[in-house]
Amino acid sequence: MKYYDEILADIEDKVNRKEYDAALFKIKEELAMPYIPKEFEEKLILLKRDIQYAISDKQQNNEIPIDKVLHLLKGNDKSQLRAVELLENRNLRDFIVEIKDFLEKDPCPEAASLMIELLAEQEIKEEFVVIKNGLEYTFYGDSVIPVAQSEGFLSAISFLSEWVENDYPALYGMCRSLLIHKCYMALPINYEKEDGYSLAVEVIDELSDILEDDTSFIEIKNKIKEMN
């Protein structure tokens, strides 16, 4: 249960620092897992409700005018990310023209990925074109699967759990974070179930390169070879 206690502590720390978007994302990610203990699930739901109340109060007392939010979409990378965060709890159907304009102008990749995730969550039945790293993608908002629900993500997280979670819980958290980032940055493309194994191996290889002095990855890689 230590892993779940650490997750709750991390979420509560984010709430205390009023990083509500990050806390909600973490909760949503955990609730989407194939299995979580019932007590842990109940605590997550309570935290989610408290955060939503806090966000609602904050918006009522200090809501940024929508014209300023949309102006931020035209700014630098930091401004774009802030704008997308502010749009998360709004009905994006009211801003289709502005969102299309934003996505078509080679936006900050992270901001574009988060925007696409929001379009997917709200099942926006519109066609969009996004320029990411010089490549053009055409997609419908309701055809993209949110990251935490995609079969590729769920398959990859299952492999990582099998290989890493029990013996290296701290490394498992890092693996999950990198996997989520990779899946987000791929949007509007979703990884398929059959991509899960290779995606999980990529995560292990990349973290192994980053943490080159950590001998744990040698043990993990040997474990993967033995399983095959």
Protein backbone atom coordinates (compact mmCIF):
# COMPACT_ATOMS: atom_id res chain seq x y z
CA MET A 1 0.00 0.00 0.00
CA LYS A 2 3.02 2.30 0.22
CA TYR A 3 2.68 3.16 -3.46
CA TYR A 4 -0.94 4.31 -3.01
CA ASP A 5 -0.03 6.32 0.09
CA GLU A 6 2.66 8.11 -1.92
CA ILE A 7 0.17 8.89 -4.71
CA LEU A 8 -2.33 10.36 -2.23
CA ALA A 9 0.42 12.41 -0.57
CA ASP A 10 1.50 13.73 -3.98
CA ILE A 11 -2.06 14.73 -4.88
CA GLU A 12 -2.64 16.40 -1.51
CA ASP A 13 0.64 18.30 -1.90
CA LYS A 14 -0.52 19.58 -5.30
CA VAL A 15 -3.84 20.63 -3.77
CA ASN A 16 -2.08 22.48 -0.94
CA ARG A 17 -0.03 24.34 -3.57
CA LYS A 18 -3.30 25.03 -5.48
CA GLU A 19 -2.05 23.09 -8.49
CA TYR A 20 -5.58 21.86 -9.10
CA ASP A 21 -5.16 20.92 -12.76
CA ALA A 22 -2.17 18.71 -12.02
CA ALA A 23 -3.97 17.11 -9.06
CA LEU A 24 -7.09 16.38 -11.13
CA PHE A 25 -5.02 14.89 -13.92
CA LYS A 26 -3.30 12.57 -11.44
CA ILE A 27 -6.65 11.52 -9.98
CA LYS A 28 -8.11 10.88 -13.43
CA GLU A 29 -5.05 8.83 -14.36
CA GLU A 30 -5.36 6.66 -11.23
CA LEU A 31 -9.12 6.13 -11.59
CA ALA A 32 -8.55 4.89 -15.15
CA MET A 33 -6.28 2.07 -13.99
CA PRO A 34 -7.62 -1.47 -14.59
CA TYR A 35 -7.54 -2.18 -10.84
CA ILE A 36 -7.20 -0.01 -7.74
CA PRO A 37 -8.05 -0.83 -4.09
CA LYS A 38 -11.58 0.25 -3.10
CA GLU A 39 -10.38 2.37 -0.17
CA PHE A 40 -7.92 4.17 -2.46
CA GLU A 41 -10.65 4.75 -5.05
CA GLU A 42 -12.99 6.26 -2.42
CA LYS A 43 -10.26 8.66 -1.26
CA LEU A 44 -9.58 9.72 -4.84
CA ILE A 45 -13.26 10.44 -5.46
CA LEU A 46 -13.45 12.56 -2.30
CA LEU A 47 -10.31 14.48 -3.30
CA LYS A 48 -11.71 15.02 -6.79
CA ARG A 49 -14.94 16.45 -5.36
CA ASP A 50 -13.05 18.79 -3.00
CA ILE A 51 -10.83 20.02 -5.84
CA GLN A 52 -13.81 20.68 -8.09
CA TYR A 53 -15.45 22.72 -5.32
CA ALA A 54 -12.22 24.68 -4.87
CA ILE A 55 -11.94 25.35 -8.61
CA SER A 56 -15.57 26.46 -8.77
CA ASP A 57 -15.07 28.90 -5.89
CA LYS A 58 -11.88 30.21 -7.45
CA GLN A 59 -13.54 30.74 -10.81
CA GLN A 60 -16.45 32.61 -9.28
CA ASN A 61 -14.15 34.88 -7.32
CA ASN A 62 -11.34 35.36 -9.79
CA GLU A 63 -12.36 34.22 -13.24
CA ILE A 64 -10.22 35.54 -16.07
CA PRO A 65 -12.33 37.08 -18.84
CA ILE A 66 -12.57 34.76 -21.82
CA ASP A 67 -11.16 37.33 -24.22
CA LYS A 68 -7.95 37.40 -22.18
CA VAL A 69 -7.82 33.60 -22.13
CA LEU A 70 -8.15 33.45 -25.91
CA HIS A 71 -5.48 36.13 -26.26
CA LEU A 72 -3.11 33.90 -24.26
CA LEU A 73 -3.54 31.22 -26.93
CA LYS A 74 -1.64 33.53 -29.29
CA GLY A 75 1.28 34.06 -26.91
CA ASN A 76 4.48 32.17 -26.14
CA ASP A 77 4.64 28.53 -25.03
CA LYS A 78 4.00 29.37 -21.37
CA SER A 79 0.99 31.55 -22.26
CA GLN A 80 -0.45 28.86 -24.51
CA LEU A 81 -0.20 26.24 -21.77
CA ARG A 82 -1.87 28.58 -19.31
CA ALA A 83 -4.69 29.29 -21.77
CA VAL A 84 -5.40 25.60 -22.31
CA GLU A 85 -5.49 25.03 -18.54
CA LEU A 86 -8.02 27.87 -18.19
CA LEU A 87 -10.19 26.39 -20.94
CA GLU A 88 -10.35 22.96 -19.32
CA ASN A 89 -13.59 23.60 -17.42
CA ARG A 90 -15.28 25.55 -20.22
CA ASN A 91 -17.48 24.32 -23.05
CA LEU A 92 -15.06 24.22 -25.98
CA ARG A 93 -17.95 24.23 -28.46
CA ASP A 94 -18.17 27.96 -27.80
CA PHE A 95 -14.63 28.52 -29.11
CA ILE A 96 -14.31 26.28 -32.16
CA VAL A 97 -13.02 29.04 -34.45
CA GLU A 98 -10.36 30.17 -31.98
CA ILE A 99 -9.24 26.60 -31.25
CA LYS A 100 -8.93 25.77 -34.95
CA ASP A 101 -6.86 28.90 -35.46
CA PHE A 102 -4.63 27.99 -32.51
CA LEU A 103 -4.00 24.42 -33.66
CA GLU A 104 -3.26 25.39 -37.26
CA LYS A 105 -0.46 27.81 -36.36
CA ASP A 106 2.22 25.34 -35.20
CA PRO A 107 1.51 25.82 -31.46
CA CYS A 108 3.58 24.72 -28.51
CA PRO A 109 3.47 20.88 -28.82
CA GLU A 110 2.60 20.36 -25.15
CA ALA A 111 -0.22 22.92 -25.31
CA ALA A 112 -1.53 21.40 -28.54
CA SER A 113 -1.54 17.91 -27.02
CA LEU A 114 -3.45 19.09 -23.96
CA MET A 115 -5.97 20.90 -26.17
CA ILE A 116 -6.52 17.76 -28.24
CA GLU A 117 -7.08 15.79 -25.02
CA LEU A 118 -9.75 18.31 -23.97
CA LEU A 119 -11.43 18.05 -27.38
CA ALA A 120 -11.46 14.27 -26.99
CA GLU A 121 -12.86 14.42 -23.45
CA GLN A 122 -15.67 16.74 -24.55
CA GLU A 123 -16.26 14.65 -27.70
CA ILE A 124 -16.26 17.68 -29.98
CA LYS A 125 -17.74 16.57 -33.32
CA GLU A 126 -15.67 18.95 -35.46
CA GLU A 127 -12.79 18.47 -37.85
CA PHE A 128 -9.50 20.04 -36.79
CA VAL A 129 -6.08 20.42 -38.35
CA VAL A 130 -3.04 20.61 -36.09
CA ILE A 131 0.55 21.40 -36.97
CA LYS A 132 2.96 19.65 -34.62
CA ASN A 133 6.69 19.78 -35.23
CA GLY A 134 6.10 20.72 -38.84
CA LEU A 135 3.70 17.83 -39.54
CA GLU A 136 0.03 18.30 -40.35
CA TYR A 137 -2.66 16.06 -38.83
CA THR A 138 -6.39 16.15 -39.55
CA PHE A 139 -8.73 14.67 -36.94
CA TYR A 140 -12.19 14.86 -35.38
CA GLY A 141 -12.30 15.68 -31.69
CA ASP A 142 -14.66 12.82 -30.88
CA SER A 143 -12.49 10.29 -32.74
CA VAL A 144 -9.49 10.78 -30.45
CA ILE A 145 -9.40 8.60 -27.32
CA PRO A 146 -8.28 10.32 -24.09
CA VAL A 147 -4.84 9.05 -23.10
CA ALA A 148 -5.88 7.28 -19.88
CA GLN A 149 -8.52 5.31 -21.82
CA SER A 150 -6.46 4.35 -24.86
CA GLU A 151 -5.69 0.67 -25.38
CA GLY A 152 -2.03 1.37 -26.10
CA PHE A 153 -1.57 3.21 -22.82
CA LEU A 154 -3.44 0.56 -20.80
CA SER A 155 -1.44 -2.24 -22.42
CA ALA A 156 1.89 -0.47 -21.83
CA ILE A 157 1.08 0.36 -18.20
CA SER A 158 0.17 -3.29 -17.62
CA PHE A 159 3.61 -4.42 -18.85
CA LEU A 160 5.38 -1.78 -16.77
CA SER A 161 3.42 -2.81 -13.70
CA GLU A 162 4.43 -6.44 -14.24
CA TRP A 163 8.10 -5.60 -14.78
CA VAL A 164 8.69 -2.76 -12.34
CA GLU A 165 5.98 -1.93 -9.80
CA ASN A 166 6.56 -4.54 -7.08
CA ASP A 167 10.36 -4.49 -6.97
CA TYR A 168 11.05 -0.86 -7.91
CA PRO A 169 8.04 1.31 -6.89
CA ALA A 170 9.98 4.59 -7.16
CA LEU A 171 11.13 3.76 -10.70
CA TYR A 172 7.59 2.67 -11.56
CA GLY A 173 6.34 6.19 -10.87
CA MET A 174 8.95 7.57 -13.24
CA CYS A 175 8.01 5.01 -15.88
CA ARG A 176 4.34 5.98 -15.64
CA SER A 177 5.14 9.67 -15.96
CA LEU A 178 7.28 9.15 -19.05
CA LEU A 179 4.65 6.86 -20.61
CA ILE A 180 1.93 9.45 -20.07
CA HIS A 181 4.10 12.15 -21.62
CA LYS A 182 4.85 9.98 -24.66
CA CYS A 183 1.15 9.18 -25.17
CA TYR A 184 0.16 12.85 -24.82
CA MET A 185 2.80 14.02 -27.25
CA ALA A 186 1.58 11.50 -29.84
CA LEU A 187 -1.94 12.98 -29.93
CA PRO A 188 -4.03 13.11 -32.07
CA ILE A 189 -2.55 9.68 -32.83
CA ASN A 190 -3.51 7.00 -30.30
CA TYR A 191 -1.31 4.01 -29.61
CA GLU A 192 -3.06 0.68 -30.28
CA LYS A 193 -3.11 -2.32 -27.93
CA GLU A 194 -0.49 -4.13 -29.99
CA ASP A 195 1.85 -1.14 -29.48
CA GLY A 196 1.81 -1.61 -25.70
CA TYR A 197 4.79 -3.93 -25.40
CA SER A 198 7.15 -1.92 -27.61
CA LEU A 199 5.97 1.32 -25.95
CA ALA A 200 6.74 -0.08 -22.50
CA VAL A 201 10.18 -1.23 -23.68
CA GLU A 202 10.85 2.26 -25.09
CA VAL A 203 10.04 3.76 -21.69
CA ILE A 204 12.45 1.39 -19.95
CA ASP A 205 15.21 2.08 -22.52
CA GLU A 206 14.80 5.87 -22.32
CA LEU A 207 14.86 5.96 -18.53
CA SER A 208 17.82 3.60 -18.54
CA ASP A 209 19.72 6.08 -20.71
CA ILE A 210 18.74 8.99 -18.48
CA LEU A 211 19.60 7.17 -15.24
CA GLU A 212 22.69 5.47 -16.61
CA ASP A 213 24.16 4.79 -13.15
CA ASP A 214 21.06 3.00 -11.89
CA THR A 215 21.82 -0.74 -11.99
CA SER A 216 18.13 -1.49 -11.35
CA PHE A 217 17.46 -1.14 -15.06
CA ILE A 218 19.93 -3.92 -15.84
CA GLU A 219 17.89 -6.17 -13.56
CA ILE A 220 14.64 -5.01 -15.14
CA LYS A 221 15.90 -5.64 -18.67
CA ASN A 222 17.11 -9.09 -17.67
CA LYS A 223 13.68 -9.78 -16.17
CA ILE A 224 12.01 -8.79 -19.46
CA LYS A 225 14.32 -11.11 -21.42
CA GLU A 226 13.55 -14.01 -19.06
CA MET A 227 9.81 -13.46 -19.55
CA ASN A 228 10.26 -13.73 -23.29
